[in-house]
């Protein structure tokens, strides 16, 4: 059986894995769980959460970042040295653990005044993180790692291309090193093809 990747019909915390799989040309089943089916599906998942990965042997695993890291290692996208792997992990964790939750709160908030307050609180934090990464941690000319493309590039692209627009934010044009990475990822044929074919969702 082919591997199966299950997540909601959203980009969300599942898209990093989908980008990695698209880049690698991996054969997998992309299963989208409808929200109305989630209550009955939830007890059947390893930790009551999405995404879920089912391997060829039938074993199931949870936690989105762990799944993405699994494929980053499998497809040689995790870095070539211990320090590069540390750097890539740091960038991925910053986006997924620190930045994503802040922006997701903004996206989900229905009250306009509260949404504005959340945005005003999150914006300087996100901008500061992005500037710190741009100024000190982009080691390649078109990639975060000096050795070339990694899952850190896909995590950055996922954040800038998919999450920032959902909350009316965008990458500061002065962060040219980050923009070069984003542009490089977007130009990859496998990635542009995936973006063209994937379901159009708000986040």
C-alpha atoms as a PDB file:
ATOM      1  CA  UNK A   1       0.000   0.000   0.000  1.00  0.00           C
ATOM      2  CA  UNK A   2       1.098   3.576  -0.632  1.00  0.00           C
ATOM      3  CA  UNK A   3       1.760   5.863   2.294  1.00  0.00           C
ATOM      4  CA  UNK A   4      -1.263   7.900   3.364  1.00  0.00           C
ATOM      5  CA  UNK A   5      -1.166  11.465   4.637  1.00  0.00           C
ATOM      6  CA  UNK A   6      -4.362  12.645   6.311  1.00  0.00           C
ATOM      7  CA  UNK A   7      -5.195  16.232   7.162  1.00  0.00           C
ATOM      8  CA  UNK A   8      -8.082  18.631   6.861  1.00  0.00           C
ATOM      9  CA  UNK A   9      -8.884  20.246   3.507  1.00  0.00           C
ATOM     10  CA  UNK A  10      -6.584  23.111   4.426  1.00  0.00           C
ATOM     11  CA  UNK A  11      -2.960  24.041   3.933  1.00  0.00           C
ATOM     12  CA  UNK A  12      -2.427  24.688   7.654  1.00  0.00           C
ATOM     13  CA  UNK A  13       0.086  22.513   9.463  1.00  0.00           C
ATOM     14  CA  UNK A  14      -0.090  19.838   6.791  1.00  0.00           C
ATOM     15  CA  UNK A  15       1.283  21.812   3.879  1.00  0.00           C
ATOM     16  CA  UNK A  16       4.939  21.624   4.877  1.00  0.00           C
ATOM     17  CA  UNK A  17       4.793  17.845   4.500  1.00  0.00           C
ATOM     18  CA  UNK A  18       2.902  18.176   1.209  1.00  0.00           C
ATOM     19  CA  UNK A  19       5.598  20.538  -0.124  1.00  0.00           C
ATOM     20  CA  UNK A  20       8.335  18.069   0.806  1.00  0.00           C
ATOM     21  CA  UNK A  21       6.466  15.182  -0.810  1.00  0.00           C
ATOM     22  CA  UNK A  22       5.766  17.244  -3.930  1.00  0.00           C
ATOM     23  CA  UNK A  23       9.426  18.199  -4.237  1.00  0.00           C
ATOM     24  CA  UNK A  24      10.502  14.572  -3.822  1.00  0.00           C
ATOM     25  CA  UNK A  25       7.937  13.313  -6.335  1.00  0.00           C
ATOM     26  CA  UNK A  26       6.708  10.853  -3.724  1.00  0.00           C
ATOM     27  CA  UNK A  27       3.795   8.535  -4.361  1.00  0.00           C
ATOM     28  CA  UNK A  28       1.273   8.992  -1.558  1.00  0.00           C
ATOM     29  CA  UNK A  29      -2.437   9.235  -0.855  1.00  0.00           C
ATOM     30  CA  UNK A  30      -3.456  12.798   0.032  1.00  0.00           C
ATOM     31  CA  UNK A  31      -6.549  12.307   2.202  1.00  0.00           C
ATOM     32  CA  UNK A  32      -8.607  15.381   3.144  1.00  0.00           C
ATOM     33  CA  UNK A  33     -10.813  14.994   6.215  1.00  0.00           C
ATOM     34  CA  UNK A  34     -14.055  16.987   6.108  1.00  0.00           C
ATOM     35  CA  UNK A  35     -14.705  19.027   9.249  1.00  0.00           C
ATOM     36  CA  UNK A  36     -18.088  17.393   9.823  1.00  0.00           C
ATOM     37  CA  UNK A  37     -16.401  13.977   9.918  1.00  0.00           C
ATOM     38  CA  UNK A  38     -13.695  15.023  12.364  1.00  0.00           C
ATOM     39  CA  UNK A  39     -15.589  14.256  15.609  1.00  0.00           C
ATOM     40  CA  UNK A  40     -16.003  10.619  14.590  1.00  0.00           C
ATOM     41  CA  UNK A  41     -12.481  10.420  13.135  1.00  0.00           C
ATOM     42  CA  UNK A  42     -10.708  12.018  16.117  1.00  0.00           C
ATOM     43  CA  UNK A  43     -10.841   9.011  18.519  1.00  0.00           C
ATOM     44  CA  UNK A  44      -9.311   6.819  15.814  1.00  0.00           C
ATOM     45  CA  UNK A  45      -6.147   8.934  15.479  1.00  0.00           C
ATOM     46  CA  UNK A  46      -2.970   8.305  17.535  1.00  0.00           C
ATOM     47  CA  UNK A  47      -3.218  11.500  19.623  1.00  0.00           C
ATOM     48  CA  UNK A  48      -6.653  12.875  18.717  1.00  0.00           C
ATOM     49  CA  UNK A  49      -5.107  15.334  16.285  1.00  0.00           C
ATOM     50  CA  UNK A  50      -4.211  15.916  12.654  1.00  0.00           C
ATOM     51  CA  UNK A  51      -2.190  15.317  10.563  1.00  0.00           C
ATOM     52  CA  UNK A  52      -1.742  11.545  10.587  1.00  0.00           C
ATOM     53  CA  UNK A  53       0.749   9.544   8.527  1.00  0.00           C
ATOM     54  CA  UNK A  54       0.145   5.889   7.692  1.00  0.00           C
ATOM     55  CA  UNK A  55       3.227   4.061   6.435  1.00  0.00           C
ATOM     56  CA  UNK A  56       3.325   1.202   3.941  1.00  0.00           C
ATOM     57  CA  UNK A  57       3.330  -1.286   6.837  1.00  0.00           C
ATOM     58  CA  UNK A  58       0.110   0.171   8.233  1.00  0.00           C
ATOM     59  CA  UNK A  59       1.682   1.881  11.244  1.00  0.00           C
ATOM     60  CA  UNK A  60       0.194   5.288  12.063  1.00  0.00           C
ATOM     61  CA  UNK A  61       2.005   8.360  13.381  1.00  0.00           C
ATOM     62  CA  UNK A  62       0.915  11.830  14.496  1.00  0.00           C
ATOM     63  CA  UNK A  63       2.423  15.306  15.047  1.00  0.00           C
ATOM     64  CA  UNK A  64       2.847  17.467  11.975  1.00  0.00           C
ATOM     65  CA  UNK A  65       6.420  18.601  12.552  1.00  0.00           C
ATOM     66  CA  UNK A  66       7.606  15.075  13.371  1.00  0.00           C
ATOM     67  CA  UNK A  67       6.036  13.829  10.132  1.00  0.00           C
ATOM     68  CA  UNK A  68       7.623  16.625   8.102  1.00  0.00           C
ATOM     69  CA  UNK A  69      11.005  15.942   9.732  1.00  0.00           C
ATOM     70  CA  UNK A  70      10.659  12.246   8.894  1.00  0.00           C
ATOM     71  CA  UNK A  71      10.330  13.063   5.213  1.00  0.00           C
ATOM     72  CA  UNK A  72      13.024  15.738   5.370  1.00  0.00           C
ATOM     73  CA  UNK A  73      15.408  13.057   6.602  1.00  0.00           C
ATOM     74  CA  UNK A  74      14.122  10.488   4.125  1.00  0.00           C
ATOM     75  CA  UNK A  75      14.657  12.801   1.148  1.00  0.00           C
ATOM     76  CA  UNK A  76      17.946  14.376   2.322  1.00  0.00           C
ATOM     77  CA  UNK A  77      16.375  17.758   3.097  1.00  0.00           C
ATOM     78  CA  UNK A  78      17.379  18.027   6.756  1.00  0.00           C
ATOM     79  CA  UNK A  79      20.925  19.385   6.346  1.00  0.00           C
ATOM     80  CA  UNK A  80      24.313  17.814   5.730  1.00  0.00           C
ATOM     81  CA  UNK A  81      25.984  18.431   9.115  1.00  0.00           C
ATOM     82  CA  UNK A  82      24.832  18.391  12.721  1.00  0.00           C
ATOM     83  CA  UNK A  83      24.937  22.191  12.822  1.00  0.00           C
ATOM     84  CA  UNK A  84      22.954  22.513   9.611  1.00  0.00           C
ATOM     85  CA  UNK A  85      20.333  20.139  10.976  1.00  0.00           C
ATOM     86  CA  UNK A  86      20.177  22.257  14.129  1.00  0.00           C
ATOM     87  CA  UNK A  87      19.733  25.426  12.073  1.00  0.00           C
ATOM     88  CA  UNK A  88      17.017  23.898   9.912  1.00  0.00           C
ATOM     89  CA  UNK A  89      15.184  22.581  12.979  1.00  0.00           C
ATOM     90  CA  UNK A  90      15.419  25.993  14.655  1.00  0.00           C
ATOM     91  CA  UNK A  91      13.868  27.774  11.655  1.00  0.00           C
ATOM     92  CA  UNK A  92      11.097  25.212  11.287  1.00  0.00           C
ATOM     93  CA  UNK A  93      10.282  25.313  15.006  1.00  0.00           C
ATOM     94  CA  UNK A  94      10.174  29.111  15.036  1.00  0.00           C
ATOM     95  CA  UNK A  95       7.596  29.227  12.275  1.00  0.00           C
ATOM     96  CA  UNK A  96       5.482  26.306  13.430  1.00  0.00           C
ATOM     97  CA  UNK A  97       5.735  26.631  17.234  1.00  0.00           C
ATOM     98  CA  UNK A  98       6.056  30.389  17.729  1.00  0.00           C
ATOM     99  CA  UNK A  99       4.678  32.240  14.699  1.00  0.00           C
ATOM    100  CA  UNK A 100       1.879  30.026  13.369  1.00  0.00           C
ATOM    101  CA  UNK A 101      -0.208  30.020  16.598  1.00  0.00           C
ATOM    102  CA  UNK A 102      -0.116  33.830  16.800  1.00  0.00           C
ATOM    103  CA  UNK A 103      -1.363  34.257  13.257  1.00  0.00           C
ATOM    104  CA  UNK A 104      -3.883  31.446  13.472  1.00  0.00           C
ATOM    105  CA  UNK A 105      -5.549  33.237  16.390  1.00  0.00           C
ATOM    106  CA  UNK A 106      -5.932  36.310  14.169  1.00  0.00           C
ATOM    107  CA  UNK A 107      -7.358  34.265  11.310  1.00  0.00           C
ATOM    108  CA  UNK A 108      -9.910  32.502  13.508  1.00  0.00           C
ATOM    109  CA  UNK A 109     -11.044  35.556  15.475  1.00  0.00           C
ATOM    110  CA  UNK A 110     -14.499  36.750  14.385  1.00  0.00           C
ATOM    111  CA  UNK A 111     -14.658  40.006  16.328  1.00  0.00           C
ATOM    112  CA  UNK A 112     -13.062  42.804  14.273  1.00  0.00           C
ATOM    113  CA  UNK A 113     -11.781  44.742  17.286  1.00  0.00           C
ATOM    114  CA  UNK A 114     -10.220  41.660  18.866  1.00  0.00           C
ATOM    115  CA  UNK A 115      -8.759  40.675  15.478  1.00  0.00           C
ATOM    116  CA  UNK A 116      -7.114  44.109  15.244  1.00  0.00           C
ATOM    117  CA  UNK A 117      -5.725  43.822  18.764  1.00  0.00           C
ATOM    118  CA  UNK A 118      -4.308  40.384  18.051  1.00  0.00           C
ATOM    119  CA  UNK A 119      -2.785  41.631  14.812  1.00  0.00           C
ATOM    120  CA  UNK A 120      -1.185  44.635  16.507  1.00  0.00           C
ATOM    121  CA  UNK A 121       0.315  42.304  19.116  1.00  0.00           C
ATOM    122  CA  UNK A 122       1.575  39.688  16.664  1.00  0.00           C
ATOM    123  CA  UNK A 123       2.941  41.881  13.886  1.00  0.00           C
ATOM    124  CA  UNK A 124       6.033  43.262  15.683  1.00  0.00           C
ATOM    125  CA  UNK A 125       6.918  39.813  17.019  1.00  0.00           C
ATOM    126  CA  UNK A 126       6.659  38.175  13.605  1.00  0.00           C
ATOM    127  CA  UNK A 127       8.539  41.004  11.911  1.00  0.00           C
ATOM    128  CA  UNK A 128      11.317  40.766  14.492  1.00  0.00           C
ATOM    129  CA  UNK A 129      11.649  37.002  14.047  1.00  0.00           C
ATOM    130  CA  UNK A 130      11.779  37.345  10.271  1.00  0.00           C
ATOM    131  CA  UNK A 131      14.403  40.093  10.463  1.00  0.00           C
ATOM    132  CA  UNK A 132      16.560  38.051  12.839  1.00  0.00           C
ATOM    133  CA  UNK A 133      16.416  35.071  10.484  1.00  0.00           C
ATOM    134  CA  UNK A 134      17.141  37.263   7.456  1.00  0.00           C
ATOM    135  CA  UNK A 135      20.104  39.001   9.079  1.00  0.00           C
ATOM    136  CA  UNK A 136      21.740  36.107  10.866  1.00  0.00           C
ATOM    137  CA  UNK A 137      20.571  32.707   9.743  1.00  0.00           C
ATOM    138  CA  UNK A 138      20.251  32.563   5.964  1.00  0.00           C
ATOM    139  CA  UNK A 139      23.536  30.932   5.018  1.00  0.00           C
ATOM    140  CA  UNK A 140      22.979  30.304   1.297  1.00  0.00           C
ATOM    141  CA  UNK A 141      22.270  32.734  -1.522  1.00  0.00           C
ATOM    142  CA  UNK A 142      18.887  31.155  -2.267  1.00  0.00           C
ATOM    143  CA  UNK A 143      18.496  28.751   0.653  1.00  0.00           C
ATOM    144  CA  UNK A 144      18.595  28.866   4.431  1.00  0.00           C
ATOM    145  CA  UNK A 145      21.381  26.289   4.586  1.00  0.00           C
ATOM    146  CA  UNK A 146      24.695  26.840   2.903  1.00  0.00           C
ATOM    147  CA  UNK A 147      24.601  23.327   1.452  1.00  0.00           C
ATOM    148  CA  UNK A 148      21.389  23.978  -0.484  1.00  0.00           C
ATOM    149  CA  UNK A 149      17.672  23.386  -0.284  1.00  0.00           C
ATOM    150  CA  UNK A 150      16.153  21.973   2.903  1.00  0.00           C
ATOM    151  CA  UNK A 151      12.868  21.657   4.704  1.00  0.00           C
ATOM    152  CA  UNK A 152      13.637  25.012   6.356  1.00  0.00           C
ATOM    153  CA  UNK A 153      13.153  26.642   2.941  1.00  0.00           C
ATOM    154  CA  UNK A 154       9.782  24.954   2.557  1.00  0.00           C
ATOM    155  CA  UNK A 155       8.767  26.010   6.078  1.00  0.00           C
ATOM    156  CA  UNK A 156       9.692  29.610   5.273  1.00  0.00           C
ATOM    157  CA  UNK A 157       7.816  29.468   1.977  1.00  0.00           C
ATOM    158  CA  UNK A 158       4.793  27.908   3.675  1.00  0.00           C
ATOM    159  CA  UNK A 159       4.720  30.707   6.235  1.00  0.00           C
ATOM    160  CA  UNK A 160       5.273  33.605   3.825  1.00  0.00           C
ATOM    161  CA  UNK A 161       3.228  32.316   0.904  1.00  0.00           C
ATOM    162  CA  UNK A 162       0.336  30.631   2.716  1.00  0.00           C
ATOM    163  CA  UNK A 163      -0.029  32.132   6.205  1.00  0.00           C
ATOM    164  CA  UNK A 164       0.942  35.800   6.005  1.00  0.00           C
ATOM    165  CA  UNK A 165      -1.591  36.650   3.259  1.00  0.00           C
ATOM    166  CA  UNK A 166      -4.354  34.972   5.267  1.00  0.00           C
ATOM    167  CA  UNK A 167      -3.969  37.651   7.966  1.00  0.00           C
ATOM    168  CA  UNK A 168      -3.222  40.579   5.624  1.00  0.00           C
ATOM    169  CA  UNK A 169       0.515  40.550   6.244  1.00  0.00           C
ATOM    170  CA  UNK A 170       3.400  40.231   3.830  1.00  0.00           C
ATOM    171  CA  UNK A 171       7.152  39.857   3.884  1.00  0.00           C
ATOM    172  CA  UNK A 172       9.049  43.134   4.274  1.00  0.00           C
ATOM    173  CA  UNK A 173      10.747  43.767   0.880  1.00  0.00           C
ATOM    174  CA  UNK A 174      13.886  44.840   2.725  1.00  0.00           C
ATOM    175  CA  UNK A 175      14.364  41.247   3.916  1.00  0.00           C
ATOM    176  CA  UNK A 176      16.017  40.383   0.639  1.00  0.00           C
ATOM    177  CA  UNK A 177      17.714  37.187   1.792  1.00  0.00           C
ATOM    178  CA  UNK A 178      14.393  35.693   2.866  1.00  0.00           C
ATOM    179  CA  UNK A 179      12.738  36.878  -0.345  1.00  0.00           C
ATOM    180  CA  UNK A 180      15.431  35.148  -2.381  1.00  0.00           C
ATOM    181  CA  UNK A 181      14.653  31.861  -0.609  1.00  0.00           C
ATOM    182  CA  UNK A 182      10.903  32.290  -1.129  1.00  0.00           C
ATOM    183  CA  UNK A 183      11.377  33.105  -4.827  1.00  0.00           C
ATOM    184  CA  UNK A 184      13.685  30.125  -5.283  1.00  0.00           C
ATOM    185  CA  UNK A 185      11.190  27.691  -3.743  1.00  0.00           C
ATOM    186  CA  UNK A 186       8.306  29.107  -5.775  1.00  0.00           C
ATOM    187  CA  UNK A 187      10.308  28.598  -8.985  1.00  0.00           C
ATOM    188  CA  UNK A 188      10.848  24.874  -8.360  1.00  0.00           C
ATOM    189  CA  UNK A 189       8.759  23.063 -11.015  1.00  0.00           C
ATOM    190  CA  UNK A 190       7.424  20.456  -8.587  1.00  0.00           C
ATOM    191  CA  UNK A 191       6.312  23.169  -6.162  1.00  0.00           C
ATOM    192  CA  UNK A 192       4.678  25.379  -8.787  1.00  0.00           C
ATOM    193  CA  UNK A 193       2.889  22.312 -10.175  1.00  0.00           C
ATOM    194  CA  UNK A 194       1.649  21.388  -6.692  1.00  0.00           C
ATOM    195  CA  UNK A 195       0.363  24.912  -6.043  1.00  0.00           C
ATOM    196  CA  UNK A 196      -1.467  24.824  -9.376  1.00  0.00           C
ATOM    197  CA  UNK A 197      -3.213  21.509  -8.644  1.00  0.00           C
ATOM    198  CA  UNK A 198      -3.910  21.722  -4.906  1.00  0.00           C
ATOM    199  CA  UNK A 199      -7.268  22.699  -3.474  1.00  0.00           C
ATOM    200  CA  UNK A 200      -7.696  26.455  -3.059  1.00  0.00           C
ATOM    201  CA  UNK A 201      -8.198  27.031   0.663  1.00  0.00           C
ATOM    202  CA  UNK A 202      -7.953  30.279   2.713  1.00  0.00           C
ATOM    203  CA  UNK A 203      -5.220  28.972   4.985  1.00  0.00           C
END
